[in-house]
Amino acid sequence: MTSVEILRDADGKICEFRSRGHTGYAEAGRDLVCAGVSSILQTAVLGLEEYLKLSCKVEQEKGHLSCQLERDIFLNREIDAILETMVLGLRAIAREYPQYLKVEEVVGHVTKI
């Protein structure tokens, strides 16, 4: 199972996300659920770094991806658009494949980069 943890600050804004594990839906290279989750997470990172030009602390290795960002008050709307859309996509996959993906949110998290 893959678990994705969405960390929000006291204002409810996403400041970090972490994924861990493999879905186990199919063998490596054929796991559509894992590929969908990975694509959504990596696209969010690309949007933050390449489109918005934010500096994020990203760690990626086999079976793990984390992204921690320092929010820019002038880009809050754009950051929210990218990250809340990421959450919508992950939740849609979790509804269809609940035994393979768990999405949890933690509110009140304070991030330090």
N, C-alpha and C. Protein backbone atom coordinates (compact mmCIF):
# COMPACT_ATOMS: atom_id res chain seq x y z
N MET A 1 0.85 -1.18 0.00
CA MET A 1 0.00 0.00 0.00
C MET A 1 0.89 1.24 0.00
N THR A 2 0.44 2.25 -0.71
CA THR A 2 1.10 3.55 -0.69
C THR A 2 0.32 4.45 0.26
N SER A 3 1.06 5.18 1.08
CA SER A 3 0.40 6.18 1.92
C SER A 3 0.96 7.54 1.57
N VAL A 4 0.06 8.51 1.46
CA VAL A 4 0.44 9.89 1.18
C VAL A 4 -0.04 10.73 2.35
N GLU A 5 0.87 11.49 2.91
CA GLU A 5 0.55 12.37 4.03
C GLU A 5 0.64 13.81 3.53
N ILE A 6 -0.44 14.55 3.71
CA ILE A 6 -0.52 15.95 3.32
C ILE A 6 -0.44 16.77 4.61
N LEU A 7 0.57 17.61 4.73
CA LEU A 7 0.75 18.41 5.94
C LEU A 7 0.33 19.85 5.66
N ARG A 8 -0.55 20.36 6.51
CA ARG A 8 -1.07 21.71 6.36
C ARG A 8 -0.65 22.56 7.55
N ASP A 9 -0.46 23.85 7.30
CA ASP A 9 -0.11 24.77 8.39
C ASP A 9 -1.39 25.14 9.17
N ALA A 10 -1.25 26.01 10.14
CA ALA A 10 -2.39 26.40 10.99
C ALA A 10 -3.51 27.08 10.19
N ASP A 11 -3.17 27.65 9.03
CA ASP A 11 -4.17 28.29 8.17
C ASP A 11 -4.80 27.32 7.19
N GLY A 12 -4.40 26.05 7.25
CA GLY A 12 -4.96 25.04 6.36
C GLY A 12 -4.27 24.96 5.01
N LYS A 13 -3.16 25.67 4.84
CA LYS A 13 -2.43 25.67 3.57
C LYS A 13 -1.43 24.51 3.56
N ILE A 14 -1.35 23.81 2.43
CA ILE A 14 -0.41 22.70 2.32
C ILE A 14 1.00 23.25 2.30
N CYS A 15 1.85 22.69 3.16
CA CYS A 15 3.24 23.12 3.23
C CYS A 15 4.21 21.96 2.97
N GLU A 16 3.67 20.75 2.92
CA GLU A 16 4.53 19.58 2.70
C GLU A 16 3.65 18.38 2.33
N PHE A 17 4.20 17.48 1.54
CA PHE A 17 3.55 16.19 1.31
C PHE A 17 4.62 15.12 1.22
N ARG A 18 4.21 13.91 1.63
CA ARG A 18 5.14 12.77 1.67
C ARG A 18 4.40 11.51 1.19
N SER A 19 5.06 10.74 0.39
CA SER A 19 4.49 9.44 0.01
C SER A 19 5.50 8.36 0.35
N ARG A 20 4.97 7.20 0.67
CA ARG A 20 5.83 6.08 1.04
C ARG A 20 5.15 4.78 0.64
N GLY A 21 5.96 3.88 0.13
CA GLY A 21 5.47 2.54 -0.18
C GLY A 21 5.06 2.35 -1.62
N HIS A 22 4.78 1.12 -1.95
CA HIS A 22 4.30 0.75 -3.28
C HIS A 22 2.88 0.23 -3.15
N THR A 23 2.06 0.51 -4.12
CA THR A 23 0.65 0.15 -4.02
C THR A 23 0.44 -1.36 -3.98
N GLY A 24 1.22 -2.09 -4.74
CA GLY A 24 1.03 -3.54 -4.78
C GLY A 24 -0.13 -3.97 -5.65
N TYR A 25 -0.63 -3.07 -6.47
CA TYR A 25 -1.75 -3.38 -7.36
C TYR A 25 -1.33 -4.38 -8.44
N ALA A 26 -0.10 -4.23 -8.93
CA ALA A 26 0.42 -5.13 -9.96
C ALA A 26 1.94 -5.17 -9.82
N GLU A 27 2.57 -6.00 -10.62
CA GLU A 27 4.03 -6.10 -10.56
C GLU A 27 4.66 -4.79 -11.01
N ALA A 28 5.88 -4.57 -10.56
CA ALA A 28 6.62 -3.34 -10.91
C ALA A 28 6.67 -3.19 -12.43
N GLY A 29 6.44 -1.99 -12.89
CA GLY A 29 6.42 -1.71 -14.32
C GLY A 29 5.05 -1.86 -14.95
N ARG A 30 4.12 -2.48 -14.23
CA ARG A 30 2.75 -2.66 -14.73
C ARG A 30 1.69 -2.15 -13.76
N ASP A 31 2.15 -1.50 -12.72
CA ASP A 31 1.26 -1.04 -11.65
C ASP A 31 0.67 0.32 -12.01
N LEU A 32 -0.54 0.30 -12.54
CA LEU A 32 -1.19 1.53 -12.98
C LEU A 32 -1.55 2.46 -11.82
N VAL A 33 -1.90 1.90 -10.68
CA VAL A 33 -2.24 2.73 -9.52
C VAL A 33 -0.99 3.47 -9.05
N CYS A 34 0.11 2.78 -8.94
CA CYS A 34 1.37 3.39 -8.52
C CYS A 34 1.80 4.45 -9.53
N ALA A 35 1.67 4.16 -10.80
CA ALA A 35 2.03 5.12 -11.84
C ALA A 35 1.16 6.37 -11.76
N GLY A 36 -0.12 6.20 -11.50
CA GLY A 36 -1.02 7.35 -11.37
C GLY A 36 -0.65 8.23 -10.19
N VAL A 37 -0.39 7.60 -9.05
CA VAL A 37 -0.01 8.35 -7.84
C VAL A 37 1.31 9.08 -8.09
N SER A 38 2.29 8.38 -8.63
CA SER A 38 3.59 9.00 -8.92
C SER A 38 3.45 10.17 -9.87
N SER A 39 2.66 10.00 -10.90
CA SER A 39 2.47 11.07 -11.88
C SER A 39 1.86 12.32 -11.25
N ILE A 40 0.87 12.13 -10.43
CA ILE A 40 0.23 13.27 -9.77
C ILE A 40 1.22 13.99 -8.86
N LEU A 41 1.95 13.25 -8.05
CA LEU A 41 2.91 13.86 -7.12
C LEU A 41 4.04 14.56 -7.85
N GLN A 42 4.60 13.91 -8.84
CA GLN A 42 5.72 14.50 -9.58
C GLN A 42 5.28 15.71 -10.40
N THR A 43 4.06 15.69 -10.92
CA THR A 43 3.55 16.84 -11.65
C THR A 43 3.37 18.03 -10.72
N ALA A 44 2.92 17.80 -9.50
CA ALA A 44 2.80 18.88 -8.52
C ALA A 44 4.17 19.50 -8.24
N VAL A 45 5.18 18.67 -8.06
CA VAL A 45 6.54 19.18 -7.83
C VAL A 45 7.01 20.01 -9.03
N LEU A 46 6.78 19.50 -10.23
CA LEU A 46 7.16 20.25 -11.44
C LEU A 46 6.45 21.60 -11.50
N GLY A 47 5.17 21.61 -11.18
CA GLY A 47 4.42 22.87 -11.19
C GLY A 47 4.99 23.88 -10.22
N LEU A 48 5.32 23.41 -9.03
CA LEU A 48 5.89 24.31 -8.01
C LEU A 48 7.26 24.83 -8.41
N GLU A 49 8.12 23.92 -8.87
CA GLU A 49 9.50 24.30 -9.16
C GLU A 49 9.68 24.95 -10.53
N GLU A 50 9.08 24.37 -11.55
CA GLU A 50 9.32 24.85 -12.91
C GLU A 50 8.38 25.99 -13.32
N TYR A 51 7.11 25.86 -12.96
CA TYR A 51 6.15 26.88 -13.37
C TYR A 51 6.17 28.08 -12.43
N LEU A 52 6.13 27.82 -11.13
CA LEU A 52 6.11 28.91 -10.15
C LEU A 52 7.52 29.35 -9.72
N LYS A 53 8.52 28.57 -10.09
CA LYS A 53 9.92 28.90 -9.75
C LYS A 53 10.17 28.95 -8.25
N LEU A 54 9.47 28.08 -7.50
CA LEU A 54 9.69 28.00 -6.06
C LEU A 54 10.84 27.06 -5.77
N SER A 55 11.51 27.32 -4.69
CA SER A 55 12.57 26.44 -4.23
C SER A 55 11.97 25.49 -3.21
N CYS A 56 11.89 24.24 -3.56
CA CYS A 56 11.31 23.22 -2.67
C CYS A 56 12.39 22.25 -2.25
N LYS A 57 12.23 21.70 -1.06
CA LYS A 57 13.12 20.64 -0.60
C LYS A 57 12.46 19.32 -0.99
N VAL A 58 13.00 18.69 -2.02
CA VAL A 58 12.42 17.46 -2.55
C VAL A 58 13.39 16.31 -2.30
N GLU A 59 12.86 15.23 -1.78
CA GLU A 59 13.62 14.00 -1.59
C GLU A 59 12.89 12.89 -2.32
N GLN A 60 13.63 12.18 -3.15
CA GLN A 60 13.01 11.11 -3.92
C GLN A 60 13.96 9.93 -3.99
N GLU A 61 13.43 8.79 -3.66
CA GLU A 61 14.14 7.52 -3.82
C GLU A 61 13.08 6.47 -4.07
N LYS A 62 13.48 5.29 -4.36
CA LYS A 62 12.53 4.23 -4.68
C LYS A 62 11.50 4.07 -3.56
N GLY A 63 10.24 4.25 -3.90
CA GLY A 63 9.16 4.07 -2.94
C GLY A 63 8.93 5.24 -2.00
N HIS A 64 9.57 6.38 -2.27
CA HIS A 64 9.43 7.54 -1.37
C HIS A 64 9.58 8.83 -2.16
N LEU A 65 8.69 9.77 -1.89
CA LEU A 65 8.80 11.12 -2.43
C LEU A 65 8.29 12.09 -1.37
N SER A 66 9.07 13.12 -1.09
CA SER A 66 8.58 14.16 -0.18
C SER A 66 8.91 15.52 -0.78
N CYS A 67 8.06 16.47 -0.48
CA CYS A 67 8.24 17.83 -0.97
C CYS A 67 7.84 18.79 0.14
N GLN A 68 8.77 19.62 0.52
CA GLN A 68 8.53 20.62 1.55
C GLN A 68 8.77 21.99 0.92
N LEU A 69 7.84 22.92 1.13
CA LEU A 69 8.00 24.22 0.52
C LEU A 69 7.77 25.33 1.52
N GLU A 70 8.41 26.43 1.24
CA GLU A 70 8.16 27.64 1.99
C GLU A 70 7.21 28.46 1.14
N ARG A 71 6.04 28.74 1.66
CA ARG A 71 5.01 29.40 0.87
C ARG A 71 5.37 30.86 0.61
N ASP A 72 5.07 31.31 -0.58
CA ASP A 72 5.26 32.70 -0.98
C ASP A 72 3.88 33.35 -0.97
N ILE A 73 3.70 34.32 -0.09
CA ILE A 73 2.38 34.94 0.07
C ILE A 73 1.83 35.51 -1.24
N PHE A 74 2.72 35.92 -2.13
CA PHE A 74 2.28 36.50 -3.41
C PHE A 74 1.84 35.43 -4.40
N LEU A 75 2.16 34.18 -4.11
CA LEU A 75 1.79 33.08 -5.01
C LEU A 75 0.81 32.10 -4.35
N ASN A 76 0.20 32.48 -3.25
CA ASN A 76 -0.68 31.57 -2.53
C ASN A 76 -1.76 30.96 -3.41
N ARG A 77 -2.38 31.76 -4.23
CA ARG A 77 -3.46 31.26 -5.08
C ARG A 77 -2.95 30.20 -6.06
N GLU A 78 -1.81 30.46 -6.66
CA GLU A 78 -1.24 29.52 -7.62
C GLU A 78 -0.75 28.25 -6.93
N ILE A 79 -0.11 28.41 -5.77
CA ILE A 79 0.35 27.25 -5.01
C ILE A 79 -0.85 26.39 -4.62
N ASP A 80 -1.90 27.02 -4.12
CA ASP A 80 -3.11 26.28 -3.74
C ASP A 80 -3.71 25.55 -4.94
N ALA A 81 -3.73 26.19 -6.10
CA ALA A 81 -4.30 25.56 -7.29
C ALA A 81 -3.56 24.26 -7.61
N ILE A 82 -2.25 24.30 -7.57
CA ILE A 82 -1.45 23.11 -7.87
C ILE A 82 -1.65 22.04 -6.80
N LEU A 83 -1.49 22.42 -5.53
CA LEU A 83 -1.51 21.42 -4.46
C LEU A 83 -2.90 20.88 -4.15
N GLU A 84 -3.91 21.71 -4.21
CA GLU A 84 -5.27 21.22 -3.95
C GLU A 84 -5.75 20.33 -5.10
N THR A 85 -5.31 20.62 -6.33
CA THR A 85 -5.63 19.74 -7.45
C THR A 85 -4.93 18.40 -7.28
N MET A 86 -3.68 18.43 -6.77
CA MET A 86 -2.96 17.19 -6.46
C MET A 86 -3.79 16.34 -5.48
N VAL A 87 -4.29 16.98 -4.42
CA VAL A 87 -5.08 16.26 -3.41
C VAL A 87 -6.35 15.69 -4.04
N LEU A 88 -7.02 16.45 -4.89
CA LEU A 88 -8.23 15.95 -5.56
C LEU A 88 -7.91 14.69 -6.38
N GLY A 89 -6.81 14.72 -7.12
CA GLY A 89 -6.42 13.56 -7.92
C GLY A 89 -6.09 12.35 -7.07
N LEU A 90 -5.36 12.57 -5.98
CA LEU A 90 -5.02 11.45 -5.07
C LEU A 90 -6.27 10.87 -4.43
N ARG A 91 -7.17 11.73 -3.99
CA ARG A 91 -8.41 11.25 -3.36
C ARG A 91 -9.28 10.47 -4.34
N ALA A 92 -9.28 10.88 -5.61
CA ALA A 92 -10.04 10.15 -6.63
C ALA A 92 -9.48 8.74 -6.81
N ILE A 93 -8.17 8.62 -6.84
CA ILE A 93 -7.55 7.29 -6.95
C ILE A 93 -7.84 6.47 -5.69
N ALA A 94 -7.73 7.10 -4.52
CA ALA A 94 -7.98 6.39 -3.25
C ALA A 94 -9.41 5.88 -3.15
N ARG A 95 -10.37 6.61 -3.71
CA ARG A 95 -11.77 6.15 -3.71
C ARG A 95 -11.93 4.90 -4.57
N GLU A 96 -11.24 4.85 -5.68
CA GLU A 96 -11.34 3.71 -6.59
C GLU A 96 -10.53 2.50 -6.12
N TYR A 97 -9.43 2.78 -5.43
CA TYR A 97 -8.50 1.71 -5.02
C TYR A 97 -8.13 1.87 -3.55
N PRO A 98 -9.10 1.81 -2.63
CA PRO A 98 -8.82 2.09 -1.22
C PRO A 98 -7.86 1.10 -0.57
N GLN A 99 -7.76 -0.09 -1.09
CA GLN A 99 -6.84 -1.08 -0.52
C GLN A 99 -5.40 -0.86 -0.96
N TYR A 100 -5.18 0.08 -1.90
CA TYR A 100 -3.84 0.32 -2.44
C TYR A 100 -3.29 1.72 -2.13
N LEU A 101 -4.17 2.66 -1.78
CA LEU A 101 -3.73 4.03 -1.52
C LEU A 101 -4.49 4.62 -0.34
N LYS A 102 -3.72 5.19 0.59
CA LYS A 102 -4.30 5.89 1.74
C LYS A 102 -3.78 7.32 1.72
N VAL A 103 -4.70 8.28 1.80
CA VAL A 103 -4.34 9.70 1.83
C VAL A 103 -4.77 10.25 3.18
N GLU A 104 -3.81 10.80 3.92
CA GLU A 104 -4.09 11.38 5.24
C GLU A 104 -3.67 12.84 5.26
N GLU A 105 -4.40 13.64 6.01
CA GLU A 105 -4.05 15.05 6.15
C GLU A 105 -3.78 15.36 7.62
N VAL A 106 -2.75 16.17 7.84
CA VAL A 106 -2.38 16.62 9.17
C VAL A 106 -2.46 18.14 9.15
N VAL A 107 -3.29 18.70 10.02
CA VAL A 107 -3.46 20.15 10.09
C VAL A 107 -2.72 20.70 11.29
N GLY A 108 -2.15 21.89 11.12
CA GLY A 108 -1.44 22.53 12.21
C GLY A 108 0.05 22.25 12.19
N HIS A 109 0.53 21.66 11.09
CA HIS A 109 1.95 21.36 10.94
C HIS A 109 2.72 22.65 10.64
N VAL A 110 3.83 22.84 11.31
CA VAL A 110 4.69 24.01 11.06
C VAL A 110 5.92 23.53 10.33
N THR A 111 6.18 24.10 9.18
CA THR A 111 7.30 23.67 8.37
C THR A 111 8.50 24.60 8.53
N LYS A 112 9.66 24.02 8.55
CA LYS A 112 10.92 24.78 8.59
C LYS A 112 11.83 24.20 7.50
N ILE A 113 12.22 25.02 6.56
CA ILE A 113 13.14 24.54 5.51
C ILE A 113 14.54 24.98 5.86
